[in-house]
């Protein structure tokens, strides 16, 4: 898979003992991709067992919710130092607990990440959006899609988003 440039991977938790090992080996084999779309229902693989994705410039992550998803995502970003575009889709799941985001900022946030798109935005990820805006030095676009919110909820979220500090002077927040 050394010459593979684009991959779409769906990984679902299995009762198999080797599920984490198999998923990790699969992801390790994708270390040269430029574009990766990953769908998971659990943190199947530990980020400390992942390779560095030097060529990865586009990452789309679709999760069906698990404890600590934001922390896992930021840790994954440490494995993608040249990432330019991040697309996230993780709707709220009942019972999912949020954890504090890591203090060490991934280098892609500081130097390369130009666009973040968040689909199915829910108010529980405002802290993560704040983290991204505070640390993404070259961010040009933050696109947020609010589906299924009332007008009152949207207004409240828009006001919260507009009050967040941005490190990038070029950053445009687009709310759809």
N, C-alpha and C. Protein backbone atom coordinates (compact mmCIF):
# COMPACT_ATOMS: atom_id res chain seq x y z
N UNK A 1 0.82 -1.20 0.00
CA UNK A 1 0.00 0.00 0.00
C UNK A 1 0.86 1.26 0.00
N UNK A 2 2.14 1.13 -0.34
CA UNK A 2 3.04 2.27 -0.30
C UNK A 2 2.63 3.38 -1.27
N UNK A 3 2.00 3.02 -2.39
CA UNK A 3 1.65 4.03 -3.39
C UNK A 3 0.21 4.52 -3.25
N UNK A 4 -0.54 4.01 -2.30
CA UNK A 4 -1.93 4.42 -2.08
C UNK A 4 -1.98 5.87 -1.62
N UNK A 5 -2.81 6.68 -2.29
CA UNK A 5 -2.89 8.10 -1.95
C UNK A 5 -4.16 8.46 -1.18
N UNK A 6 -5.23 7.67 -1.37
CA UNK A 6 -6.50 8.00 -0.75
C UNK A 6 -7.12 6.72 -0.20
N UNK A 7 -7.63 6.78 1.04
CA UNK A 7 -8.23 5.60 1.64
C UNK A 7 -9.48 5.97 2.43
N UNK A 8 -10.49 5.11 2.33
CA UNK A 8 -11.73 5.23 3.11
C UNK A 8 -11.83 3.95 3.94
N UNK A 9 -11.75 4.10 5.25
CA UNK A 9 -11.72 2.94 6.14
C UNK A 9 -12.85 3.03 7.16
N UNK A 10 -13.59 1.93 7.32
CA UNK A 10 -14.61 1.80 8.36
C UNK A 10 -14.15 0.70 9.30
N UNK A 11 -14.01 1.03 10.57
CA UNK A 11 -13.58 0.04 11.57
C UNK A 11 -14.63 -0.01 12.66
N UNK A 12 -15.19 -1.19 12.86
CA UNK A 12 -16.21 -1.38 13.87
C UNK A 12 -15.69 -2.35 14.92
N UNK A 13 -16.04 -2.10 16.16
CA UNK A 13 -15.59 -2.96 17.25
C UNK A 13 -16.06 -4.38 16.99
N UNK A 14 -15.18 -5.29 17.30
CA UNK A 14 -15.47 -6.70 17.08
C UNK A 14 -15.21 -7.46 18.37
N UNK A 15 -15.80 -8.61 18.48
CA UNK A 15 -15.54 -9.46 19.63
C UNK A 15 -14.19 -10.16 19.52
N UNK A 16 -13.57 -10.02 18.38
CA UNK A 16 -12.28 -10.67 18.15
C UNK A 16 -11.21 -10.08 19.07
N UNK A 17 -10.39 -10.94 19.62
CA UNK A 17 -9.29 -10.52 20.49
C UNK A 17 -8.27 -9.71 19.69
N UNK A 18 -8.14 -10.02 18.42
CA UNK A 18 -7.13 -9.37 17.58
C UNK A 18 -7.64 -8.12 16.88
N UNK A 19 -8.81 -7.63 17.25
CA UNK A 19 -9.41 -6.48 16.57
C UNK A 19 -8.50 -5.26 16.62
N UNK A 20 -8.02 -4.91 17.81
CA UNK A 20 -7.15 -3.74 17.94
C UNK A 20 -5.86 -3.93 17.16
N UNK A 21 -5.27 -5.11 17.24
CA UNK A 21 -4.02 -5.38 16.53
C UNK A 21 -4.23 -5.30 15.02
N UNK A 22 -5.31 -5.91 14.53
CA UNK A 22 -5.60 -5.88 13.09
C UNK A 22 -5.86 -4.46 12.60
N UNK A 23 -6.64 -3.71 13.36
CA UNK A 23 -6.94 -2.33 12.98
C UNK A 23 -5.67 -1.49 12.97
N UNK A 24 -4.81 -1.68 13.97
CA UNK A 24 -3.57 -0.93 14.04
C UNK A 24 -2.66 -1.27 12.87
N UNK A 25 -2.56 -2.55 12.52
CA UNK A 25 -1.73 -2.96 11.36
C UNK A 25 -2.27 -2.35 10.07
N UNK A 26 -3.60 -2.33 9.93
CA UNK A 26 -4.20 -1.73 8.74
C UNK A 26 -3.84 -0.25 8.64
N UNK A 27 -4.02 0.48 9.74
CA UNK A 27 -3.72 1.91 9.74
C UNK A 27 -2.23 2.15 9.51
N UNK A 28 -1.37 1.32 10.08
CA UNK A 28 0.08 1.47 9.87
C UNK A 28 0.44 1.29 8.39
N UNK A 29 -0.30 0.43 7.71
CA UNK A 29 -0.06 0.21 6.28
C UNK A 29 -0.47 1.40 5.42
N UNK A 30 -1.21 2.33 5.99
CA UNK A 30 -1.69 3.51 5.25
C UNK A 30 -0.82 4.74 5.49
N UNK A 31 0.36 4.56 6.04
CA UNK A 31 1.20 5.69 6.46
C UNK A 31 1.56 6.66 5.34
N UNK A 32 1.43 6.27 4.07
CA UNK A 32 1.81 7.15 2.97
C UNK A 32 0.63 7.88 2.31
N UNK A 33 -0.60 7.63 2.78
CA UNK A 33 -1.75 8.26 2.13
C UNK A 33 -1.73 9.77 2.29
N UNK A 34 -2.31 10.45 1.31
CA UNK A 34 -2.46 11.91 1.37
C UNK A 34 -3.84 12.28 1.90
N UNK A 35 -4.81 11.39 1.71
CA UNK A 35 -6.19 11.65 2.12
C UNK A 35 -6.73 10.39 2.81
N UNK A 36 -7.23 10.56 4.04
CA UNK A 36 -7.75 9.43 4.81
C UNK A 36 -9.11 9.78 5.37
N UNK A 37 -10.07 8.90 5.10
CA UNK A 37 -11.40 9.01 5.68
C UNK A 37 -11.56 7.81 6.61
N UNK A 38 -11.78 8.08 7.89
CA UNK A 38 -11.83 7.03 8.89
C UNK A 38 -13.14 7.10 9.66
N UNK A 39 -13.84 5.97 9.75
CA UNK A 39 -15.06 5.87 10.52
C UNK A 39 -14.85 4.79 11.58
N UNK A 40 -15.13 5.14 12.84
CA UNK A 40 -14.99 4.17 13.93
C UNK A 40 -16.14 4.33 14.92
N UNK A 41 -16.33 3.29 15.71
CA UNK A 41 -17.31 3.38 16.79
C UNK A 41 -16.64 3.28 18.15
N UNK A 42 -15.35 3.12 18.17
CA UNK A 42 -14.56 3.05 19.40
C UNK A 42 -13.15 3.52 19.08
N UNK A 43 -12.39 3.78 20.12
CA UNK A 43 -10.96 4.08 19.94
C UNK A 43 -10.26 2.74 19.79
N UNK A 44 -10.38 2.14 18.62
CA UNK A 44 -9.89 0.79 18.38
C UNK A 44 -8.39 0.69 18.57
N UNK A 45 -7.66 1.68 18.11
CA UNK A 45 -6.20 1.62 18.21
C UNK A 45 -5.68 2.77 19.06
N UNK A 46 -4.64 2.50 19.76
CA UNK A 46 -4.01 3.50 20.60
C UNK A 46 -3.12 4.39 19.74
N UNK A 47 -3.16 5.69 19.97
CA UNK A 47 -2.38 6.59 19.13
C UNK A 47 -0.88 6.37 19.30
N UNK A 48 -0.43 5.84 20.42
CA UNK A 48 1.01 5.62 20.59
C UNK A 48 1.52 4.46 19.75
N UNK A 49 0.63 3.73 19.10
CA UNK A 49 1.03 2.64 18.21
C UNK A 49 0.87 3.01 16.75
N UNK A 50 0.55 4.25 16.47
CA UNK A 50 0.34 4.68 15.09
C UNK A 50 1.62 5.26 14.49
N UNK A 51 1.75 5.16 13.17
CA UNK A 51 2.91 5.76 12.52
C UNK A 51 2.71 7.27 12.37
N UNK A 52 3.75 7.95 11.93
CA UNK A 52 3.62 9.36 11.57
C UNK A 52 3.18 9.40 10.11
N UNK A 53 2.09 10.09 9.85
CA UNK A 53 1.55 10.22 8.49
C UNK A 53 2.11 11.50 7.88
N UNK A 54 3.35 11.44 7.38
CA UNK A 54 4.01 12.64 6.85
C UNK A 54 3.31 13.21 5.63
N UNK A 55 2.66 12.37 4.83
CA UNK A 55 2.01 12.82 3.60
C UNK A 55 0.54 13.21 3.78
N UNK A 56 -0.03 12.93 4.92
CA UNK A 56 -1.45 13.16 5.14
C UNK A 56 -1.76 14.66 5.19
N UNK A 57 -2.56 15.11 4.22
CA UNK A 57 -2.97 16.52 4.20
C UNK A 57 -4.48 16.68 4.38
N UNK A 58 -5.25 15.59 4.17
CA UNK A 58 -6.71 15.63 4.35
C UNK A 58 -7.12 14.47 5.25
N UNK A 59 -7.84 14.80 6.32
CA UNK A 59 -8.32 13.76 7.24
C UNK A 59 -9.78 14.01 7.55
N UNK A 60 -10.61 13.01 7.27
CA UNK A 60 -12.03 13.08 7.59
C UNK A 60 -12.29 12.01 8.65
N UNK A 61 -12.86 12.43 9.77
CA UNK A 61 -13.09 11.50 10.86
C UNK A 61 -14.56 11.49 11.22
N UNK A 62 -15.15 10.32 11.18
CA UNK A 62 -16.56 10.12 11.50
C UNK A 62 -16.63 9.11 12.63
N UNK A 63 -17.08 9.57 13.78
CA UNK A 63 -17.15 8.69 14.94
C UNK A 63 -18.57 8.60 15.42
N UNK A 64 -18.88 7.46 15.98
CA UNK A 64 -20.21 7.28 16.55
C UNK A 64 -20.17 7.41 18.06
N UNK A 65 -19.13 8.08 18.53
CA UNK A 65 -19.04 8.46 19.93
C UNK A 65 -18.40 7.43 20.83
N UNK A 66 -17.46 7.90 21.61
CA UNK A 66 -16.86 7.11 22.67
C UNK A 66 -16.22 8.06 23.66
N UNK A 67 -15.98 7.57 24.85
CA UNK A 67 -15.40 8.40 25.89
C UNK A 67 -14.04 8.93 25.46
N UNK A 68 -13.84 10.22 25.60
CA UNK A 68 -12.54 10.80 25.30
C UNK A 68 -12.24 11.00 23.83
N UNK A 69 -13.27 11.10 23.00
CA UNK A 69 -13.06 11.22 21.56
C UNK A 69 -12.22 12.45 21.21
N UNK A 70 -12.47 13.57 21.89
CA UNK A 70 -11.72 14.79 21.57
C UNK A 70 -10.24 14.61 21.89
N UNK A 71 -9.94 13.99 23.02
CA UNK A 71 -8.55 13.75 23.41
C UNK A 71 -7.88 12.82 22.40
N UNK A 72 -8.57 11.75 22.01
CA UNK A 72 -8.02 10.82 21.02
C UNK A 72 -7.72 11.55 19.71
N UNK A 73 -8.65 12.41 19.28
CA UNK A 73 -8.47 13.13 18.03
C UNK A 73 -7.25 14.03 18.07
N UNK A 74 -7.08 14.79 19.14
CA UNK A 74 -5.93 15.68 19.25
C UNK A 74 -4.63 14.86 19.29
N UNK A 75 -4.66 13.73 19.97
CA UNK A 75 -3.48 12.86 19.98
C UNK A 75 -3.19 12.33 18.58
N UNK A 76 -4.23 11.99 17.83
CA UNK A 76 -4.04 11.53 16.44
C UNK A 76 -3.40 12.63 15.60
N UNK A 77 -3.80 13.88 15.83
CA UNK A 77 -3.25 14.99 15.05
C UNK A 77 -1.73 15.11 15.23
N UNK A 78 -1.21 14.63 16.34
CA UNK A 78 0.25 14.60 16.52
C UNK A 78 0.91 13.67 15.50
N UNK A 79 0.14 12.71 14.99
CA UNK A 79 0.65 11.76 13.99
C UNK A 79 0.53 12.29 12.56
N UNK A 80 -0.04 13.48 12.39
CA UNK A 80 -0.26 14.06 11.06
C UNK A 80 0.32 15.47 11.02
N UNK A 81 1.64 15.60 11.02
CA UNK A 81 2.27 16.92 11.18
C UNK A 81 2.02 17.90 10.03
N UNK A 82 1.61 17.41 8.86
CA UNK A 82 1.42 18.28 7.69
C UNK A 82 -0.05 18.44 7.29
N UNK A 83 -0.96 18.05 8.16
CA UNK A 83 -2.39 18.09 7.86
C UNK A 83 -2.84 19.52 7.54
N UNK A 84 -3.61 19.66 6.46
CA UNK A 84 -4.13 20.96 6.04
C UNK A 84 -5.64 21.07 6.18
N UNK A 85 -6.36 19.95 6.00
CA UNK A 85 -7.82 19.96 6.03
C UNK A 85 -8.31 18.87 6.97
N UNK A 86 -9.18 19.27 7.92
CA UNK A 86 -9.74 18.35 8.90
C UNK A 86 -11.26 18.45 8.83
N UNK A 87 -11.91 17.31 8.60
CA UNK A 87 -13.37 17.26 8.55
C UNK A 87 -13.83 16.31 9.65
N UNK A 88 -14.74 16.79 10.50
CA UNK A 88 -15.19 16.02 11.66
C UNK A 88 -16.70 15.84 11.63
N UNK A 89 -17.10 14.63 11.98
CA UNK A 89 -18.52 14.34 12.12
C UNK A 89 -18.66 13.39 13.30
N UNK A 90 -19.00 13.92 14.45
CA UNK A 90 -19.27 13.05 15.58
C UNK A 90 -20.41 13.61 16.41
N UNK A 91 -21.60 13.12 16.11
CA UNK A 91 -22.77 13.57 16.86
C UNK A 91 -22.70 13.14 18.31
N UNK A 92 -23.43 13.85 19.14
CA UNK A 92 -23.46 13.55 20.57
C UNK A 92 -24.06 12.18 20.80
N UNK A 93 -23.47 11.46 21.72
CA UNK A 93 -23.98 10.15 22.09
C UNK A 93 -24.24 10.17 23.59
N UNK A 94 -25.41 9.76 24.00
CA UNK A 94 -25.76 9.76 25.42
C UNK A 94 -24.73 8.98 26.22
N UNK A 95 -24.32 9.55 27.33
CA UNK A 95 -23.39 8.86 28.21
C UNK A 95 -21.92 9.10 27.89
N UNK A 96 -21.63 9.80 26.80
CA UNK A 96 -20.23 10.06 26.44
C UNK A 96 -19.69 11.16 27.35
N UNK A 97 -18.60 10.86 28.03
CA UNK A 97 -17.97 11.83 28.93
C UNK A 97 -16.86 12.55 28.19
N UNK A 98 -16.76 13.84 28.40
CA UNK A 98 -15.72 14.65 27.78
C UNK A 98 -14.51 14.69 28.70
N UNK A 99 -13.34 14.67 28.12
CA UNK A 99 -12.11 14.74 28.90
C UNK A 99 -11.34 15.99 28.50
N UNK A 100 -10.44 16.40 29.36
CA UNK A 100 -9.63 17.59 29.08
C UNK A 100 -8.74 17.34 27.87
N UNK A 101 -8.58 18.38 27.05
CA UNK A 101 -7.74 18.27 25.87
C UNK A 101 -6.27 18.36 26.25
N UNK A 102 -5.41 17.66 25.51
CA UNK A 102 -3.98 17.67 25.83
C UNK A 102 -3.39 19.08 25.75
N UNK A 103 -2.40 19.33 26.60
CA UNK A 103 -1.75 20.64 26.63
C UNK A 103 -0.82 20.82 25.43
N UNK A 104 -0.08 19.75 25.08
CA UNK A 104 0.85 19.84 23.97
C UNK A 104 0.08 19.93 22.65
N UNK A 105 0.34 20.99 21.90
CA UNK A 105 -0.40 21.26 20.67
C UNK A 105 0.25 20.54 19.48
N UNK A 106 -0.54 19.82 18.68
CA UNK A 106 0.02 19.17 17.49
C UNK A 106 0.61 20.21 16.53
N UNK A 107 1.73 19.87 15.90
CA UNK A 107 2.41 20.82 15.02
C UNK A 107 1.55 21.21 13.82
N UNK A 108 0.67 20.32 13.36
CA UNK A 108 -0.18 20.67 12.22
C UNK A 108 -1.08 21.85 12.56
N UNK A 109 -1.52 21.95 13.81
CA UNK A 109 -2.35 23.09 14.22
C UNK A 109 -1.56 24.39 14.15
N UNK A 110 -0.33 24.34 14.54
CA UNK A 110 0.49 25.56 14.57
C UNK A 110 0.93 26.01 13.18
N UNK A 111 1.18 25.07 12.27
CA UNK A 111 1.87 25.44 11.03
C UNK A 111 1.15 25.12 9.72
N UNK A 112 0.19 24.18 9.71
CA UNK A 112 -0.33 23.74 8.41
C UNK A 112 -1.85 23.74 8.26
N UNK A 113 -2.59 23.54 9.33
CA UNK A 113 -4.03 23.34 9.23
C UNK A 113 -4.72 24.62 8.76
N UNK A 114 -5.34 24.54 7.57
CA UNK A 114 -5.97 25.71 6.96
C UNK A 114 -7.50 25.67 7.03
N UNK A 115 -8.06 24.44 7.10
CA UNK A 115 -9.52 24.36 7.10
C UNK A 115 -10.00 23.25 8.03
N UNK A 116 -11.01 23.59 8.82
CA UNK A 116 -11.69 22.62 9.67
C UNK A 116 -13.17 22.71 9.35
N UNK A 117 -13.78 21.56 9.10
CA UNK A 117 -15.23 21.51 8.88
C UNK A 117 -15.82 20.56 9.90
N UNK A 118 -16.85 21.03 10.59
CA UNK A 118 -17.51 20.21 11.59
C UNK A 118 -18.97 20.05 11.20
N UNK A 119 -19.34 18.80 10.89
CA UNK A 119 -20.73 18.48 10.57
C UNK A 119 -21.41 18.01 11.85
N UNK A 120 -22.70 18.12 11.88
CA UNK A 120 -23.48 17.70 13.06
C UNK A 120 -22.96 18.36 14.32
N UNK A 121 -22.73 19.66 14.25
CA UNK A 121 -22.22 20.39 15.41
C UNK A 121 -23.19 20.30 16.57
N UNK A 122 -22.66 20.01 17.73
CA UNK A 122 -23.44 19.98 18.97
C UNK A 122 -22.72 20.87 19.98
N UNK A 123 -23.45 21.41 20.90
CA UNK A 123 -22.88 22.34 21.86
C UNK A 123 -21.80 21.72 22.74
N UNK A 124 -21.78 20.41 22.88
CA UNK A 124 -20.78 19.76 23.74
C UNK A 124 -19.36 19.86 23.19
N UNK A 125 -19.19 20.24 21.93
CA UNK A 125 -17.83 20.32 21.38
C UNK A 125 -17.31 21.76 21.29
N UNK A 126 -17.98 22.68 21.92
CA UNK A 126 -17.53 24.08 21.89
C UNK A 126 -16.13 24.22 22.48
N UNK A 127 -15.81 23.41 23.48
CA UNK A 127 -14.47 23.45 24.08
C UNK A 127 -13.40 23.03 23.06
N UNK A 128 -13.72 22.01 22.25
CA UNK A 128 -12.78 21.57 21.24
C UNK A 128 -12.61 22.64 20.15
N UNK A 129 -13.70 23.27 19.76
CA UNK A 129 -13.62 24.34 18.76
C UNK A 129 -12.76 25.48 19.30
N UNK A 130 -12.94 25.81 20.56
CA UNK A 130 -12.12 26.85 21.20
C UNK A 130 -10.65 26.46 21.17
N UNK A 131 -10.35 25.19 21.45
CA UNK A 131 -8.98 24.67 21.41
C UNK A 131 -8.39 24.85 20.02
N UNK A 132 -9.16 24.47 18.99
CA UNK A 132 -8.67 24.61 17.61
C UNK A 132 -8.42 26.08 17.26
N UNK A 133 -9.38 26.94 17.55
CA UNK A 133 -9.22 28.35 17.21
C UNK A 133 -8.05 28.99 17.95
N UNK A 134 -7.86 28.59 19.19
CA UNK A 134 -6.79 29.15 20.00
C UNK A 134 -5.41 28.70 19.54
N UNK A 135 -5.32 27.54 18.89
CA UNK A 135 -4.02 26.97 18.54
C UNK A 135 -3.72 26.88 17.05
N UNK A 136 -4.72 27.02 16.21
CA UNK A 136 -4.52 26.92 14.76
C UNK A 136 -4.05 28.27 14.22
N UNK A 137 -2.76 28.40 14.08
CA UNK A 137 -2.15 29.69 13.73
C UNK A 137 -2.39 30.14 12.29
N UNK A 138 -2.59 29.18 11.36
CA UNK A 138 -2.76 29.55 9.95
C UNK A 138 -4.14 29.17 9.43
N UNK A 139 -5.08 28.92 10.33
CA UNK A 139 -6.42 28.51 9.94
C UNK A 139 -7.09 29.61 9.11
N UNK A 140 -7.65 29.19 7.97
CA UNK A 140 -8.34 30.14 7.09
C UNK A 140 -9.85 30.01 7.18
N UNK A 141 -10.35 28.78 7.34
CA UNK A 141 -11.79 28.56 7.38
C UNK A 141 -12.17 27.57 8.46
N UNK A 142 -13.15 27.96 9.26
CA UNK A 142 -13.80 27.05 10.20
C UNK A 142 -15.26 26.99 9.75
N UNK A 143 -15.65 25.84 9.23
CA UNK A 143 -17.01 25.67 8.71
C UNK A 143 -17.78 24.79 9.68
N UNK A 144 -18.90 25.31 10.15
CA UNK A 144 -19.70 24.59 11.13
C UNK A 144 -21.10 24.41 10.57
N UNK A 145 -21.54 23.15 10.53
CA UNK A 145 -22.89 22.82 10.05
C UNK A 145 -23.76 22.46 11.26
N UNK A 146 -24.79 23.27 11.46
CA UNK A 146 -25.71 23.04 12.59
C UNK A 146 -27.00 22.45 12.05
N UNK A 147 -27.15 21.17 12.27
CA UNK A 147 -28.37 20.48 11.83
C UNK A 147 -29.21 20.14 13.04
N UNK A 148 -30.51 20.30 12.91
CA UNK A 148 -31.42 19.88 13.96
C UNK A 148 -31.47 20.77 15.19
N UNK A 149 -30.98 21.99 15.10
CA UNK A 149 -31.04 22.91 16.24
C UNK A 149 -32.18 23.89 16.03
N UNK A 150 -32.77 24.30 17.13
CA UNK A 150 -33.80 25.33 17.06
C UNK A 150 -33.12 26.67 16.79
N UNK A 151 -33.89 27.65 16.42
CA UNK A 151 -33.35 29.00 16.17
C UNK A 151 -32.70 29.55 17.43
N UNK A 152 -33.33 29.32 18.58
CA UNK A 152 -32.78 29.78 19.85
C UNK A 152 -31.43 29.13 20.14
N UNK A 153 -31.33 27.82 19.92
CA UNK A 153 -30.08 27.11 20.14
C UNK A 153 -28.99 27.62 19.20
N UNK A 154 -29.35 27.80 17.94
CA UNK A 154 -28.37 28.30 16.96
C UNK A 154 -27.86 29.67 17.35
N UNK A 155 -28.76 30.55 17.76
CA UNK A 155 -28.37 31.91 18.15
C UNK A 155 -27.41 31.87 19.33
N UNK A 156 -27.70 31.04 20.31
CA UNK A 156 -26.84 30.91 21.48
C UNK A 156 -25.45 30.42 21.07
N UNK A 157 -25.39 29.39 20.23
CA UNK A 157 -24.11 28.83 19.79
C UNK A 157 -23.34 29.83 18.95
N UNK A 158 -24.01 30.53 18.06
CA UNK A 158 -23.35 31.53 17.22
C UNK A 158 -22.71 32.60 18.10
N UNK A 159 -23.43 33.07 19.10
CA UNK A 159 -22.87 34.06 20.02
C UNK A 159 -21.65 33.52 20.76
N UNK A 160 -21.71 32.26 21.18
CA UNK A 160 -20.56 31.64 21.85
C UNK A 160 -19.37 31.56 20.90
N UNK A 161 -19.61 31.13 19.66
CA UNK A 161 -18.53 30.97 18.68
C UNK A 161 -17.87 32.31 18.35
N UNK A 162 -18.67 33.33 18.22
CA UNK A 162 -18.12 34.64 17.85
C UNK A 162 -17.31 35.28 18.98
N UNK A 163 -17.48 34.80 20.19
CA UNK A 163 -16.72 35.32 21.32
C UNK A 163 -15.40 34.60 21.55
N UNK A 164 -15.20 33.48 20.84
CA UNK A 164 -13.96 32.72 21.02
C UNK A 164 -12.77 33.46 20.41
N UNK A 165 -11.64 33.35 21.07
CA UNK A 165 -10.41 33.97 20.57
C UNK A 165 -9.85 33.14 19.44
N UNK A 166 -9.30 33.82 18.44
CA UNK A 166 -8.70 33.15 17.29
C UNK A 166 -7.23 33.54 17.20
N UNK A 167 -6.36 32.56 17.01
CA UNK A 167 -4.93 32.84 16.82
C UNK A 167 -4.64 33.29 15.40
N UNK A 168 -5.41 32.79 14.46
CA UNK A 168 -5.20 33.14 13.06
C UNK A 168 -6.01 34.39 12.71
N UNK A 169 -5.33 35.40 12.21
CA UNK A 169 -6.01 36.64 11.82
C UNK A 169 -6.80 36.46 10.53
N UNK A 170 -6.50 35.40 9.74
CA UNK A 170 -7.16 35.15 8.47
C UNK A 170 -8.42 34.28 8.62
N UNK A 171 -8.66 33.77 9.81
CA UNK A 171 -9.71 32.78 10.00
C UNK A 171 -11.11 33.36 9.79
N UNK A 172 -11.85 32.69 8.93
CA UNK A 172 -13.23 33.04 8.65
C UNK A 172 -14.11 31.93 9.22
N UNK A 173 -15.06 32.28 10.08
CA UNK A 173 -15.97 31.30 10.64
C UNK A 173 -17.25 31.31 9.81
N UNK A 174 -17.56 30.17 9.22
CA UNK A 174 -18.74 30.03 8.37
C UNK A 174 -19.72 29.10 9.08
N UNK A 175 -20.92 29.57 9.33
CA UNK A 175 -21.92 28.78 10.03
C UNK A 175 -23.06 28.51 9.06
N UNK A 176 -23.32 27.23 8.85
CA UNK A 176 -24.37 26.82 7.92
C UNK A 176 -25.49 26.08 8.63
